[in-house]
Amino acid sequence: MSKLSRHSSRNVPLAKPRACAKCGSPFHSLCPRDRTPIERTTRVNPRREEPRRSERERNANYLAWVHTQPCCAVGLPGHVCGGRIEADHAGERPLGRKADDDTCIAICSQGHRERTDFSGPFKTWSRDEMRA
């Protein structure tokens, strides 16, 4: 039985797609050998001479040491330590950026979430008190 056209009111057989003579693909319009690469006059992501923002200072040794310290929120009223010790970037920072690694404090994962969300013992703290 031959395939028939769906959109026609008459039962007319559909034409077979023409095979590509170059690659043997059943659809000549999709032949990869006929495609040409896009020519660009400029680079897609040109590098800037100078970075937009200042790069933050990284210190892997200090971060490793911070992970060995006890939680700094232990003495706060209403705080119960929970989870592993994390390094919280607590210092001054530009908008939308992390502070330098030298300003990290050791805090448990529960305290880190509370501090970030201004909840628990940190709900009455201001941003300046958080960064001090």
C-alpha atoms as a PDB file:
ATOM      1  CA  MET A   1       0.000   0.000   0.000  1.00  0.00           C
ATOM      2  CA  SER A   2       1.434   3.414  -0.896  1.00  0.00           C
ATOM      3  CA  LYS A   3       1.413   6.454   1.348  1.00  0.00           C
ATOM      4  CA  LEU A   4      -1.260   8.979   0.586  1.00  0.00           C
ATOM      5  CA  SER A   5      -1.325  12.712   1.123  1.00  0.00           C
ATOM      6  CA  ARG A   6      -3.167  13.807   4.271  1.00  0.00           C
ATOM      7  CA  HIS A   7      -4.038  17.299   3.083  1.00  0.00           C
ATOM      8  CA  SER A   8      -5.501  16.427  -0.245  1.00  0.00           C
ATOM      9  CA  SER A   9      -9.102  15.486  -0.793  1.00  0.00           C
ATOM     10  CA  ARG A  10      -7.928  13.116  -3.537  1.00  0.00           C
ATOM     11  CA  ASN A  11      -5.915  10.022  -2.788  1.00  0.00           C
ATOM     12  CA  VAL A  12      -2.656  11.020  -4.463  1.00  0.00           C
ATOM     13  CA  PRO A  13       0.560   9.132  -3.592  1.00  0.00           C
ATOM     14  CA  LEU A  14       3.297  11.228  -1.973  1.00  0.00           C
ATOM     15  CA  ALA A  15       6.535  11.713  -3.896  1.00  0.00           C
ATOM     16  CA  LYS A  16       9.634   9.974  -2.530  1.00  0.00           C
ATOM     17  CA  PRO A  17      12.247  12.327  -1.105  1.00  0.00           C
ATOM     18  CA  ARG A  18      15.223  12.820  -3.386  1.00  0.00           C
ATOM     19  CA  ALA A  19      18.427  11.248  -2.068  1.00  0.00           C
ATOM     20  CA  CYS A  20      21.610  13.297  -2.030  1.00  0.00           C
ATOM     21  CA  ALA A  21      24.128  12.237  -4.659  1.00  0.00           C
ATOM     22  CA  LYS A  22      27.096  13.401  -2.518  1.00  0.00           C
ATOM     23  CA  CYS A  23      26.463  11.690   0.815  1.00  0.00           C
ATOM     24  CA  GLY A  24      23.491   9.384   0.219  1.00  0.00           C
ATOM     25  CA  SER A  25      21.311  11.195   2.778  1.00  0.00           C
ATOM     26  CA  PRO A  26      17.587  10.635   2.092  1.00  0.00           C
ATOM     27  CA  PHE A  27      16.997  14.391   2.373  1.00  0.00           C
ATOM     28  CA  HIS A  28      19.116  16.446  -0.004  1.00  0.00           C
ATOM     29  CA  SER A  29      18.347  19.706   1.833  1.00  0.00           C
ATOM     30  CA  LEU A  30      20.039  18.376   5.005  1.00  0.00           C
ATOM     31  CA  CYS A  31      23.291  17.328   3.360  1.00  0.00           C
ATOM     32  CA  PRO A  32      26.187  18.355   5.624  1.00  0.00           C
ATOM     33  CA  ARG A  33      28.517  18.679   2.643  1.00  0.00           C
ATOM     34  CA  ASP A  34      26.471  21.540   1.178  1.00  0.00           C
ATOM     35  CA  ARG A  35      26.649  23.635   4.356  1.00  0.00           C
ATOM     36  CA  THR A  36      29.148  26.456   4.635  1.00  0.00           C
ATOM     37  CA  PRO A  37      30.412  27.743   7.974  1.00  0.00           C
ATOM     38  CA  ILE A  38      29.187  31.104   9.204  1.00  0.00           C
ATOM     39  CA  GLU A  39      31.782  33.750   8.578  1.00  0.00           C
ATOM     40  CA  ARG A  40      32.206  36.224  11.400  1.00  0.00           C
ATOM     41  CA  THR A  41      33.974  39.533  11.229  1.00  0.00           C
ATOM     42  CA  THR A  42      34.402  39.774  15.019  1.00  0.00           C
ATOM     43  CA  ARG A  43      34.957  37.266  17.791  1.00  0.00           C
ATOM     44  CA  VAL A  44      31.892  35.980  19.604  1.00  0.00           C
ATOM     45  CA  ASN A  45      33.286  36.771  23.070  1.00  0.00           C
ATOM     46  CA  PRO A  46      36.167  39.211  22.747  1.00  0.00           C
ATOM     47  CA  ARG A  47      38.361  39.491  25.851  1.00  0.00           C
ATOM     48  CA  ARG A  48      38.540  42.835  27.562  1.00  0.00           C
ATOM     49  CA  GLU A  49      41.848  44.569  28.040  1.00  0.00           C
ATOM     50  CA  GLU A  50      40.943  45.111  31.710  1.00  0.00           C
ATOM     51  CA  PRO A  51      38.371  43.150  33.727  1.00  0.00           C
ATOM     52  CA  ARG A  52      35.114  44.958  34.519  1.00  0.00           C
ATOM     53  CA  ARG A  53      35.366  44.316  38.221  1.00  0.00           C
ATOM     54  CA  SER A  54      38.266  43.749  40.516  1.00  0.00           C
ATOM     55  CA  GLU A  55      39.098  40.120  41.035  1.00  0.00           C
ATOM     56  CA  ARG A  56      38.651  38.843  44.569  1.00  0.00           C
ATOM     57  CA  GLU A  57      41.659  37.450  46.364  1.00  0.00           C
ATOM     58  CA  ARG A  58      41.684  33.669  46.670  1.00  0.00           C
ATOM     59  CA  ASN A  59      43.460  31.838  49.485  1.00  0.00           C
ATOM     60  CA  ALA A  60      42.962  28.055  49.416  1.00  0.00           C
ATOM     61  CA  ASN A  61      45.212  27.450  52.434  1.00  0.00           C
ATOM     62  CA  TYR A  62      43.162  29.822  54.604  1.00  0.00           C
ATOM     63  CA  LEU A  63      39.904  28.176  53.461  1.00  0.00           C
ATOM     64  CA  ALA A  64      41.285  24.739  54.350  1.00  0.00           C
ATOM     65  CA  TRP A  65      42.223  26.056  57.799  1.00  0.00           C
ATOM     66  CA  VAL A  66      38.748  27.600  58.284  1.00  0.00           C
ATOM     67  CA  HIS A  67      37.148  24.187  57.714  1.00  0.00           C
ATOM     68  CA  THR A  68      39.115  22.792  60.677  1.00  0.00           C
ATOM     69  CA  GLN A  69      37.844  25.455  63.139  1.00  0.00           C
ATOM     70  CA  PRO A  70      34.762  25.172  65.401  1.00  0.00           C
ATOM     71  CA  CYS A  71      31.527  27.021  64.597  1.00  0.00           C
ATOM     72  CA  CYS A  72      31.729  30.726  65.491  1.00  0.00           C
ATOM     73  CA  ALA A  73      27.985  30.910  66.325  1.00  0.00           C
ATOM     74  CA  VAL A  74      28.174  28.460  69.270  1.00  0.00           C
ATOM     75  CA  GLY A  75      27.625  31.060  72.005  1.00  0.00           C
ATOM     76  CA  LEU A  76      24.656  32.832  70.403  1.00  0.00           C
ATOM     77  CA  PRO A  77      21.319  32.404  72.211  1.00  0.00           C
ATOM     78  CA  GLY A  78      18.910  30.171  70.303  1.00  0.00           C
ATOM     79  CA  HIS A  79      21.531  28.678  67.997  1.00  0.00           C
ATOM     80  CA  VAL A  80      21.967  24.916  67.800  1.00  0.00           C
ATOM     81  CA  CYS A  81      24.878  23.798  65.656  1.00  0.00           C
ATOM     82  CA  GLY A  82      23.970  21.422  62.871  1.00  0.00           C
ATOM     83  CA  GLY A  83      25.867  20.091  59.911  1.00  0.00           C
ATOM     84  CA  ARG A  84      29.436  20.399  58.747  1.00  0.00           C
ATOM     85  CA  ILE A  85      31.625  23.482  59.041  1.00  0.00           C
ATOM     86  CA  GLU A  86      31.414  25.860  56.070  1.00  0.00           C
ATOM     87  CA  ALA A  87      33.402  28.944  55.133  1.00  0.00           C
ATOM     88  CA  ASP A  88      31.099  31.978  55.120  1.00  0.00           C
ATOM     89  CA  HIS A  89      32.432  34.984  53.146  1.00  0.00           C
ATOM     90  CA  ALA A  90      31.548  37.625  55.714  1.00  0.00           C
ATOM     91  CA  GLY A  91      33.589  40.682  54.692  1.00  0.00           C
ATOM     92  CA  GLU A  92      32.868  43.767  52.612  1.00  0.00           C
ATOM     93  CA  ARG A  93      32.134  43.036  48.988  1.00  0.00           C
ATOM     94  CA  PRO A  94      31.019  44.732  45.781  1.00  0.00           C
ATOM     95  CA  LEU A  95      27.396  44.326  44.771  1.00  0.00           C
ATOM     96  CA  GLY A  96      26.670  40.788  43.611  1.00  0.00           C
ATOM     97  CA  ARG A  97      30.155  39.483  44.406  1.00  0.00           C
ATOM     98  CA  LYS A  98      31.796  37.323  47.090  1.00  0.00           C
ATOM     99  CA  ALA A  99      34.163  38.838  49.602  1.00  0.00           C
ATOM    100  CA  ASP A 100      37.838  37.883  49.638  1.00  0.00           C
ATOM    101  CA  ASP A 101      38.718  34.488  51.084  1.00  0.00           C
ATOM    102  CA  ASP A 102      40.696  36.186  53.883  1.00  0.00           C
ATOM    103  CA  THR A 103      37.407  37.410  55.413  1.00  0.00           C
ATOM    104  CA  CYS A 104      35.819  33.932  55.769  1.00  0.00           C
ATOM    105  CA  ILE A 105      34.503  32.722  59.089  1.00  0.00           C
ATOM    106  CA  ALA A 106      33.903  29.122  60.198  1.00  0.00           C
ATOM    107  CA  ILE A 107      30.220  28.424  60.753  1.00  0.00           C
ATOM    108  CA  CYS A 108      28.091  25.258  60.692  1.00  0.00           C
ATOM    109  CA  SER A 109      25.751  24.749  57.736  1.00  0.00           C
ATOM    110  CA  GLN A 110      22.660  25.458  59.872  1.00  0.00           C
ATOM    111  CA  GLY A 111      24.165  28.731  61.137  1.00  0.00           C
ATOM    112  CA  HIS A 112      25.247  29.659  57.608  1.00  0.00           C
ATOM    113  CA  ARG A 113      21.648  29.352  56.367  1.00  0.00           C
ATOM    114  CA  GLU A 114      20.302  31.316  59.335  1.00  0.00           C
ATOM    115  CA  ARG A 115      22.902  34.050  58.823  1.00  0.00           C
ATOM    116  CA  THR A 116      22.182  34.283  55.081  1.00  0.00           C
ATOM    117  CA  ASP A 117      18.400  34.398  55.654  1.00  0.00           C
ATOM    118  CA  PHE A 118      18.584  36.788  58.652  1.00  0.00           C
ATOM    119  CA  SER A 119      16.714  34.201  60.728  1.00  0.00           C
ATOM    120  CA  GLY A 120      17.262  32.446  64.060  1.00  0.00           C
ATOM    121  CA  PRO A 121      19.703  34.342  66.290  1.00  0.00           C
ATOM    122  CA  PHE A 122      20.620  36.619  63.353  1.00  0.00           C
ATOM    123  CA  LYS A 123      17.128  38.013  62.658  1.00  0.00           C
ATOM    124  CA  THR A 124      17.732  41.257  64.573  1.00  0.00           C
ATOM    125  CA  TRP A 125      21.206  41.864  63.120  1.00  0.00           C
ATOM    126  CA  SER A 126      21.820  44.552  60.522  1.00  0.00           C
ATOM    127  CA  ARG A 127      23.995  44.042  57.453  1.00  0.00           C
ATOM    128  CA  ASP A 128      26.793  46.059  59.087  1.00  0.00           C
ATOM    129  CA  GLU A 129      26.687  43.809  62.164  1.00  0.00           C
ATOM    130  CA  MET A 130      26.887  40.751  59.880  1.00  0.00           C
ATOM    131  CA  ARG A 131      29.986  42.083  58.147  1.00  0.00           C
ATOM    132  CA  ALA A 132      31.805  43.251  61.298  1.00  0.00           C
END
